[in-house]
Amino acid sequence: MILIKLKLTGVTAKGKQRIKQAGTDIWQVLTVRDKVHFEMRPGPWWFIGPVDVENETSFTRWINSKDDRDFTYEIL
């Protein structure tokens, strides 16, 4: 799997808070799926986690790579 690193920007209060809690805006893509069970919008969906953060699994989340409600991103 190719490692994709992202610089996240929160566009909602929820997104901004998630970045603040993780302590970094640099995240990496851990898994890619076309569909997720909690959302009907098409993917691809990326399961992401913060880079170089102890206990990174506490902050993992799914984002829609085309149209996420809480984040925008830049691929690094």
PDB file of N, CA and C in Angstrom:
ATOM      1  N   MET A   1       0.838  -1.187   0.000  1.00  0.00           N
ATOM      2  CA  MET A   1       0.000   0.000   0.000  1.00  0.00           C
ATOM      3  C   MET A   1       0.881   1.248   0.000  1.00  0.00           C
ATOM      4  N   ILE A   2       0.501   2.207  -0.776  1.00  0.00           N
ATOM      5  CA  ILE A   2       1.223   3.470  -0.854  1.00  0.00           C
ATOM      6  C   ILE A   2       0.818   4.341   0.329  1.00  0.00           C
ATOM      7  N   LEU A   3       1.796   4.893   1.008  1.00  0.00           N
ATOM      8  CA  LEU A   3       1.521   5.764   2.140  1.00  0.00           C
ATOM      9  C   LEU A   3       1.142   7.151   1.632  1.00  0.00           C
ATOM     10  N   ILE A   4      -0.033   7.606   2.029  1.00  0.00           N
ATOM     11  CA  ILE A   4      -0.497   8.946   1.664  1.00  0.00           C
ATOM     12  C   ILE A   4      -0.556   9.772   2.940  1.00  0.00           C
ATOM     13  N   LYS A   5       0.167  10.877   2.959  1.00  0.00           N
ATOM     14  CA  LYS A   5       0.109  11.805   4.090  1.00  0.00           C
ATOM     15  C   LYS A   5      -0.706  13.017   3.686  1.00  0.00           C
ATOM     16  N   LEU A   6      -1.485  13.518   4.644  1.00  0.00           N
ATOM     17  CA  LEU A   6      -2.380  14.640   4.407  1.00  0.00           C
ATOM     18  C   LEU A   6      -2.128  15.742   5.421  1.00  0.00           C
ATOM     19  N   LYS A   7      -2.320  16.971   4.991  1.00  0.00           N
ATOM     20  CA  LYS A   7      -2.398  18.094   5.929  1.00  0.00           C
ATOM     21  C   LYS A   7      -3.870  18.453   6.019  1.00  0.00           C
ATOM     22  N   LEU A   8      -4.483  18.197   7.172  1.00  0.00           N
ATOM     23  CA  LEU A   8      -5.912  18.449   7.361  1.00  0.00           C
ATOM     24  C   LEU A   8      -6.162  19.878   7.808  1.00  0.00           C
ATOM     25  N   THR A   9      -7.279  20.405   7.359  1.00  0.00           N
ATOM     26  CA  THR A   9      -7.783  21.684   7.837  1.00  0.00           C
ATOM     27  C   THR A   9      -9.228  21.460   8.258  1.00  0.00           C
ATOM     28  N   GLY A  10      -9.567  21.840   9.471  1.00  0.00           N
ATOM     29  CA  GLY A  10     -10.938  21.712   9.946  1.00  0.00           C
ATOM     30  C   GLY A  10     -11.802  22.814   9.355  1.00  0.00           C
ATOM     31  N   VAL A  11     -12.970  22.451   8.822  1.00  0.00           N
ATOM     32  CA  VAL A  11     -13.891  23.454   8.274  1.00  0.00           C
ATOM     33  C   VAL A  11     -15.124  23.621   9.165  1.00  0.00           C
ATOM     34  N   THR A  12     -15.320  22.688  10.083  1.00  0.00           N
ATOM     35  CA  THR A  12     -16.401  22.798  11.065  1.00  0.00           C
ATOM     36  C   THR A  12     -15.764  22.790  12.448  1.00  0.00           C
ATOM     37  N   ALA A  13     -16.548  23.122  13.452  1.00  0.00           N
ATOM     38  CA  ALA A  13     -16.042  23.076  14.824  1.00  0.00           C
ATOM     39  C   ALA A  13     -15.596  21.657  15.181  1.00  0.00           C
ATOM     40  N   LYS A  14     -16.336  20.664  14.717  1.00  0.00           N
ATOM     41  CA  LYS A  14     -15.988  19.266  14.982  1.00  0.00           C
ATOM     42  C   LYS A  14     -14.627  18.920  14.367  1.00  0.00           C
ATOM     43  N   GLY A  15     -14.399  19.330  13.134  1.00  0.00           N
ATOM     44  CA  GLY A  15     -13.126  19.057  12.472  1.00  0.00           C
ATOM     45  C   GLY A  15     -11.964  19.769  13.138  1.00  0.00           C
ATOM     46  N   LYS A  16     -12.163  21.024  13.479  1.00  0.00           N
ATOM     47  CA  LYS A  16     -11.111  21.797  14.152  1.00  0.00           C
ATOM     48  C   LYS A  16     -10.770  21.184  15.507  1.00  0.00           C
ATOM     49  N   GLN A  17     -11.788  20.744  16.234  1.00  0.00           N
ATOM     50  CA  GLN A  17     -11.566  20.145  17.548  1.00  0.00           C
ATOM     51  C   GLN A  17     -10.806  18.830  17.422  1.00  0.00           C
ATOM     52  N   ARG A  18     -11.112  18.022  16.428  1.00  0.00           N
ATOM     53  CA  ARG A  18     -10.431  16.737  16.234  1.00  0.00           C
ATOM     54  C   ARG A  18      -8.939  16.956  15.987  1.00  0.00           C
ATOM     55  N   ILE A  19      -8.598  17.938  15.174  1.00  0.00           N
ATOM     56  CA  ILE A  19      -7.189  18.248  14.901  1.00  0.00           C
ATOM     57  C   ILE A  19      -6.513  18.743  16.184  1.00  0.00           C
ATOM     58  N   LYS A  20      -7.197  19.603  16.924  1.00  0.00           N
ATOM     59  CA  LYS A  20      -6.643  20.136  18.169  1.00  0.00           C
ATOM     60  C   LYS A  20      -6.392  19.010  19.177  1.00  0.00           C
ATOM     61  N   GLN A  21      -7.330  18.090  19.297  1.00  0.00           N
ATOM     62  CA  GLN A  21      -7.182  16.973  20.238  1.00  0.00           C
ATOM     63  C   GLN A  21      -5.995  16.090  19.869  1.00  0.00           C
ATOM     64  N   ALA A  22      -5.796  15.853  18.585  1.00  0.00           N
ATOM     65  CA  ALA A  22      -4.681  15.011  18.134  1.00  0.00           C
ATOM     66  C   ALA A  22      -3.344  15.727  18.293  1.00  0.00           C
ATOM     67  N   GLY A  23      -3.361  17.048  18.268  1.00  0.00           N
ATOM     68  CA  GLY A  23      -2.136  17.811  18.430  1.00  0.00           C
ATOM     69  C   GLY A  23      -1.324  17.951  17.162  1.00  0.00           C
ATOM     70  N   THR A  24      -1.913  17.585  16.034  1.00  0.00           N
ATOM     71  CA  THR A  24      -1.217  17.704  14.746  1.00  0.00           C
ATOM     72  C   THR A  24      -2.227  17.803  13.620  1.00  0.00           C
ATOM     73  N   ASP A  25      -1.825  18.479  12.552  1.00  0.00           N
ATOM     74  CA  ASP A  25      -2.682  18.521  11.363  1.00  0.00           C
ATOM     75  C   ASP A  25      -2.147  17.612  10.259  1.00  0.00           C
ATOM     76  N   ILE A  26      -1.090  16.838  10.564  1.00  0.00           N
ATOM     77  CA  ILE A  26      -0.533  15.885   9.599  1.00  0.00           C
ATOM     78  C   ILE A  26      -1.058  14.491   9.936  1.00  0.00           C
ATOM     79  N   TRP A  27      -1.792  13.920   8.989  1.00  0.00           N
ATOM     80  CA  TRP A  27      -2.417  12.612   9.170  1.00  0.00           C
ATOM     81  C   TRP A  27      -2.026  11.714   8.010  1.00  0.00           C
ATOM     82  N   GLN A  28      -2.246  10.403   8.166  1.00  0.00           N
ATOM     83  CA  GLN A  28      -1.955   9.473   7.081  1.00  0.00           C
ATOM     84  C   GLN A  28      -3.145   8.572   6.808  1.00  0.00           C
ATOM     85  N   VAL A  29      -3.264   8.160   5.565  1.00  0.00           N
ATOM     86  CA  VAL A  29      -4.335   7.257   5.151  1.00  0.00           C
ATOM     87  C   VAL A  29      -3.931   5.842   5.532  1.00  0.00           C
ATOM     88  N   LEU A  30      -4.792   5.163   6.298  1.00  0.00           N
ATOM     89  CA  LEU A  30      -4.519   3.815   6.762  1.00  0.00           C
ATOM     90  C   LEU A  30      -5.252   2.759   5.937  1.00  0.00           C
ATOM     91  N   THR A  31      -6.458   3.104   5.472  1.00  0.00           N
ATOM     92  CA  THR A  31      -7.298   2.181   4.711  1.00  0.00           C
ATOM     93  C   THR A  31      -8.145   2.984   3.734  1.00  0.00           C
ATOM     94  N   VAL A  32      -8.459   2.390   2.590  1.00  0.00           N
ATOM     95  CA  VAL A  32      -9.331   3.019   1.596  1.00  0.00           C
ATOM     96  C   VAL A  32     -10.486   2.065   1.299  1.00  0.00           C
ATOM     97  N   ARG A  33     -11.718   2.609   1.290  1.00  0.00           N
ATOM     98  CA  ARG A  33     -12.902   1.815   0.932  1.00  0.00           C
ATOM     99  C   ARG A  33     -13.812   2.634   0.029  1.00  0.00           C
ATOM    100  N   ASP A  34     -14.539   1.938  -0.840  1.00  0.00           N
ATOM    101  CA  ASP A  34     -15.503   2.615  -1.699  1.00  0.00           C
ATOM    102  C   ASP A  34     -16.780   2.967  -0.958  1.00  0.00           C
ATOM    103  N   LYS A  35     -17.142   2.154   0.053  1.00  0.00           N
ATOM    104  CA  LYS A  35     -18.370   2.363   0.820  1.00  0.00           C
ATOM    105  C   LYS A  35     -18.071   2.202   2.302  1.00  0.00           C
ATOM    106  N   VAL A  36     -18.850   2.891   3.114  1.00  0.00           N
ATOM    107  CA  VAL A  36     -18.817   2.704   4.565  1.00  0.00           C
ATOM    108  C   VAL A  36     -20.250   2.476   5.038  1.00  0.00           C
ATOM    109  N   HIS A  37     -20.414   1.763   6.128  1.00  0.00           N
ATOM    110  CA  HIS A  37     -21.763   1.386   6.575  1.00  0.00           C
ATOM    111  C   HIS A  37     -22.570   2.535   7.156  1.00  0.00           C
ATOM    112  N   PHE A  38     -21.930   3.608   7.560  1.00  0.00           N
ATOM    113  CA  PHE A  38     -22.632   4.702   8.244  1.00  0.00           C
ATOM    114  C   PHE A  38     -23.039   5.845   7.328  1.00  0.00           C
ATOM    115  N   GLU A  39     -22.712   5.758   6.046  1.00  0.00           N
ATOM    116  CA  GLU A  39     -22.969   6.886   5.140  1.00  0.00           C
ATOM    117  C   GLU A  39     -23.280   6.365   3.738  1.00  0.00           C
ATOM    118  N   MET A  40     -24.279   6.965   3.092  1.00  0.00           N
ATOM    119  CA  MET A  40     -24.678   6.539   1.747  1.00  0.00           C
ATOM    120  C   MET A  40     -23.913   7.259   0.639  1.00  0.00           C
ATOM    121  N   ARG A  41     -23.261   8.383   0.978  1.00  0.00           N
ATOM    122  CA  ARG A  41     -22.517   9.117  -0.052  1.00  0.00           C
ATOM    123  C   ARG A  41     -21.415   8.238  -0.630  1.00  0.00           C
ATOM    124  N   PRO A  42     -21.160   8.366  -1.938  1.00  0.00           N
ATOM    125  CA  PRO A  42     -20.111   7.558  -2.552  1.00  0.00           C
ATOM    126  C   PRO A  42     -18.726   7.959  -2.053  1.00  0.00           C
ATOM    127  N   GLY A  43     -17.804   7.019  -2.140  1.00  0.00           N
ATOM    128  CA  GLY A  43     -16.414   7.255  -1.737  1.00  0.00           C
ATOM    129  C   GLY A  43     -15.597   7.723  -2.919  1.00  0.00           C
ATOM    130  N   PRO A  44     -14.331   7.507  -2.825  1.00  0.00           N
ATOM    131  CA  PRO A  44     -13.679   6.668  -1.823  1.00  0.00           C
ATOM    132  C   PRO A  44     -13.634   7.327  -0.446  1.00  0.00           C
ATOM    133  N   TRP A  45     -13.675   6.454   0.559  1.00  0.00           N
ATOM    134  CA  TRP A  45     -13.553   6.853   1.953  1.00  0.00           C
ATOM    135  C   TRP A  45     -12.171   6.476   2.443  1.00  0.00           C
ATOM    136  N   TRP A  46     -11.551   7.369   3.179  1.00  0.00           N
ATOM    137  CA  TRP A  46     -10.217   7.127   3.735  1.00  0.00           C
ATOM    138  C   TRP A  46     -10.325   7.023   5.244  1.00  0.00           C
ATOM    139  N   PHE A  47      -9.746   5.967   5.792  1.00  0.00           N
ATOM    140  CA  PHE A  47      -9.601   5.822   7.245  1.00  0.00           C
ATOM    141  C   PHE A  47      -8.248   6.408   7.595  1.00  0.00           C
ATOM    142  N   ILE A  48      -8.235   7.461   8.396  1.00  0.00           N
ATOM    143  CA  ILE A  48      -7.003   8.205   8.640  1.00  0.00           C
ATOM    144  C   ILE A  48      -6.651   8.234  10.124  1.00  0.00           C
ATOM    145  N   GLY A  49      -5.361   8.441  10.380  1.00  0.00           N
ATOM    146  CA  GLY A  49      -4.867   8.609  11.743  1.00  0.00           C
ATOM    147  C   GLY A  49      -3.748   9.628  11.747  1.00  0.00           C
ATOM    148  N   PRO A  50      -3.554  10.311  12.866  1.00  0.00           N
ATOM    149  CA  PRO A  50      -2.500  11.319  12.945  1.00  0.00           C
ATOM    150  C   PRO A  50      -1.117  10.676  12.882  1.00  0.00           C
ATOM    151  N   VAL A  51      -0.165  11.405  12.311  1.00  0.00           N
ATOM    152  CA  VAL A  51       1.207  10.922  12.174  1.00  0.00           C
ATOM    153  C   VAL A  51       1.991  11.272  13.440  1.00  0.00           C
ATOM    154  N   ASP A  52       2.797  10.321  13.902  1.00  0.00           N
ATOM    155  CA  ASP A  52       3.705  10.540  15.036  1.00  0.00           C
ATOM    156  C   ASP A  52       2.994  11.013  16.297  1.00  0.00           C
ATOM    157  N   VAL A  53       1.828  10.442  16.567  1.00  0.00           N
ATOM    158  CA  VAL A  53       1.095  10.775  17.786  1.00  0.00           C
ATOM    159  C   VAL A  53       0.970   9.502  18.609  1.00  0.00           C
ATOM    160  N   GLU A  54       1.381   9.575  19.866  1.00  0.00           N
ATOM    161  CA  GLU A  54       1.228   8.424  20.738  1.00  0.00           C
ATOM    162  C   GLU A  54      -0.259   8.124  20.876  1.00  0.00           C
ATOM    163  N   ASN A  55      -0.611   6.871  20.839  1.00  0.00           N
ATOM    164  CA  ASN A  55      -2.016   6.468  20.946  1.00  0.00           C
ATOM    165  C   ASN A  55      -2.834   6.953  19.761  1.00  0.00           C
ATOM    166  N   GLU A  56      -2.259   6.873  18.560  1.00  0.00           N
ATOM    167  CA  GLU A  56      -2.933   7.401  17.363  1.00  0.00           C
ATOM    168  C   GLU A  56      -4.307   6.789  17.124  1.00  0.00           C
ATOM    169  N   THR A  57      -4.535   5.555  17.587  1.00  0.00           N
ATOM    170  CA  THR A  57      -5.835   4.921  17.344  1.00  0.00           C
ATOM    171  C   THR A  57      -6.964   5.630  18.077  1.00  0.00           C
ATOM    172  N   SER A  58      -6.657   6.450  19.077  1.00  0.00           N
ATOM    173  CA  SER A  58      -7.692   7.221  19.769  1.00  0.00           C
ATOM    174  C   SER A  58      -8.291   8.298  18.870  1.00  0.00           C
ATOM    175  N   PHE A  59      -7.575   8.661  17.815  1.00  0.00           N
ATOM    176  CA  PHE A  59      -7.990   9.781  16.974  1.00  0.00           C
ATOM    177  C   PHE A  59      -8.381   9.384  15.557  1.00  0.00           C
ATOM    178  N   THR A  60      -8.335   8.104  15.223  1.00  0.00           N
ATOM    179  CA  THR A  60      -8.652   7.683  13.861  1.00  0.00           C
ATOM    180  C   THR A  60     -10.084   8.045  13.506  1.00  0.00           C
ATOM    181  N   ARG A  61     -10.300   8.217  12.201  1.00  0.00           N
ATOM    182  CA  ARG A  61     -11.645   8.547  11.719  1.00  0.00           C
ATOM    183  C   ARG A  61     -11.715   8.302  10.224  1.00  0.00           C
ATOM    184  N   TRP A  62     -12.930   8.236   9.702  1.00  0.00           N
ATOM    185  CA  TRP A  62     -13.174   8.133   8.271  1.00  0.00           C
ATOM    186  C   TRP A  62     -13.429   9.526   7.711  1.00  0.00           C
ATOM    187  N   ILE A  63     -12.857   9.808   6.537  1.00  0.00           N
ATOM    188  CA  ILE A  63     -13.202  11.034   5.814  1.00  0.00           C
ATOM    189  C   ILE A  63     -13.546  10.665   4.376  1.00  0.00           C
ATOM    190  N   ASN A  64     -14.433  11.439   3.799  1.00  0.00           N
ATOM    191  CA  ASN A  64     -14.763  11.267   2.393  1.00  0.00           C
ATOM    192  C   ASN A  64     -13.713  12.013   1.585  1.00  0.00           C
ATOM    193  N   SER A  65     -13.020  11.303   0.715  1.00  0.00           N
ATOM    194  CA  SER A  65     -11.893  11.913   0.004  1.00  0.00           C
ATOM    195  C   SER A  65     -12.320  12.935  -1.043  1.00  0.00           C
ATOM    196  N   LYS A  66     -13.607  12.946  -1.385  1.00  0.00           N
ATOM    197  CA  LYS A  66     -14.091  13.904  -2.391  1.00  0.00           C
ATOM    198  C   LYS A  66     -14.859  15.071  -1.791  1.00  0.00           C
ATOM    199  N   ASP A  67     -15.589  14.819  -0.707  1.00  0.00           N
ATOM    200  CA  ASP A  67     -16.499  15.847  -0.189  1.00  0.00           C
ATOM    201  C   ASP A  67     -16.765  15.621   1.297  1.00  0.00           C
ATOM    202  N   ASP A  68     -15.753  15.842   2.130  1.00  0.00           N
ATOM    203  CA  ASP A  68     -15.950  15.637   3.561  1.00  0.00           C
ATOM    204  C   ASP A  68     -16.598  16.864   4.193  1.00  0.00           C
ATOM    205  N   ARG A  69     -17.455  16.622   5.154  1.00  0.00           N
ATOM    206  CA  ARG A  69     -18.175  17.717   5.807  1.00  0.00           C
ATOM    207  C   ARG A  69     -17.324  18.473   6.818  1.00  0.00           C
ATOM    208  N   ASP A  70     -16.361  17.793   7.421  1.00  0.00           N
ATOM    209  CA  ASP A  70     -15.618  18.382   8.526  1.00  0.00           C
ATOM    210  C   ASP A  70     -14.205  18.849   8.174  1.00  0.00           C
ATOM    211  N   PHE A  71     -13.655  18.349   7.060  1.00  0.00           N
ATOM    212  CA  PHE A  71     -12.263  18.628   6.725  1.00  0.00           C
ATOM    213  C   PHE A  71     -12.059  18.936   5.251  1.00  0.00           C
ATOM    214  N   THR A  72     -11.027  19.719   4.982  1.00  0.00           N
ATOM    215  CA  THR A  72     -10.404  19.764   3.661  1.00  0.00           C
ATOM    216  C   THR A  72      -8.992  19.262   3.898  1.00  0.00           C
ATOM    217  N   TYR A  73      -8.299  18.916   2.824  1.00  0.00           N
ATOM    218  CA  TYR A  73      -6.958  18.379   2.994  1.00  0.00           C
ATOM    219  C   TYR A  73      -6.084  18.742   1.803  1.00  0.00           C
ATOM    220  N   GLU A  74      -4.793  18.655   2.061  1.00  0.00           N
ATOM    221  CA  GLU A  74      -3.775  18.795   1.028  1.00  0.00           C
ATOM    222  C   GLU A  74      -2.913  17.547   1.108  1.00  0.00           C
ATOM    223  N   ILE A  75      -2.685  16.889  -0.029  1.00  0.00           N
ATOM    224  CA  ILE A  75      -1.814  15.713  -0.040  1.00  0.00           C
ATOM    225  C   ILE A  75      -0.371  16.188  -0.004  1.00  0.00           C
ATOM    226  N   LEU A  76       0.398  15.621   0.923  1.00  0.00           N
ATOM    227  CA  LEU A  76       1.815  16.012   1.071  1.00  0.00           C
ATOM    228  C   LEU A  76       2.721  15.077   0.297  1.00  0.00           C
TER     229      LEU A  76
END
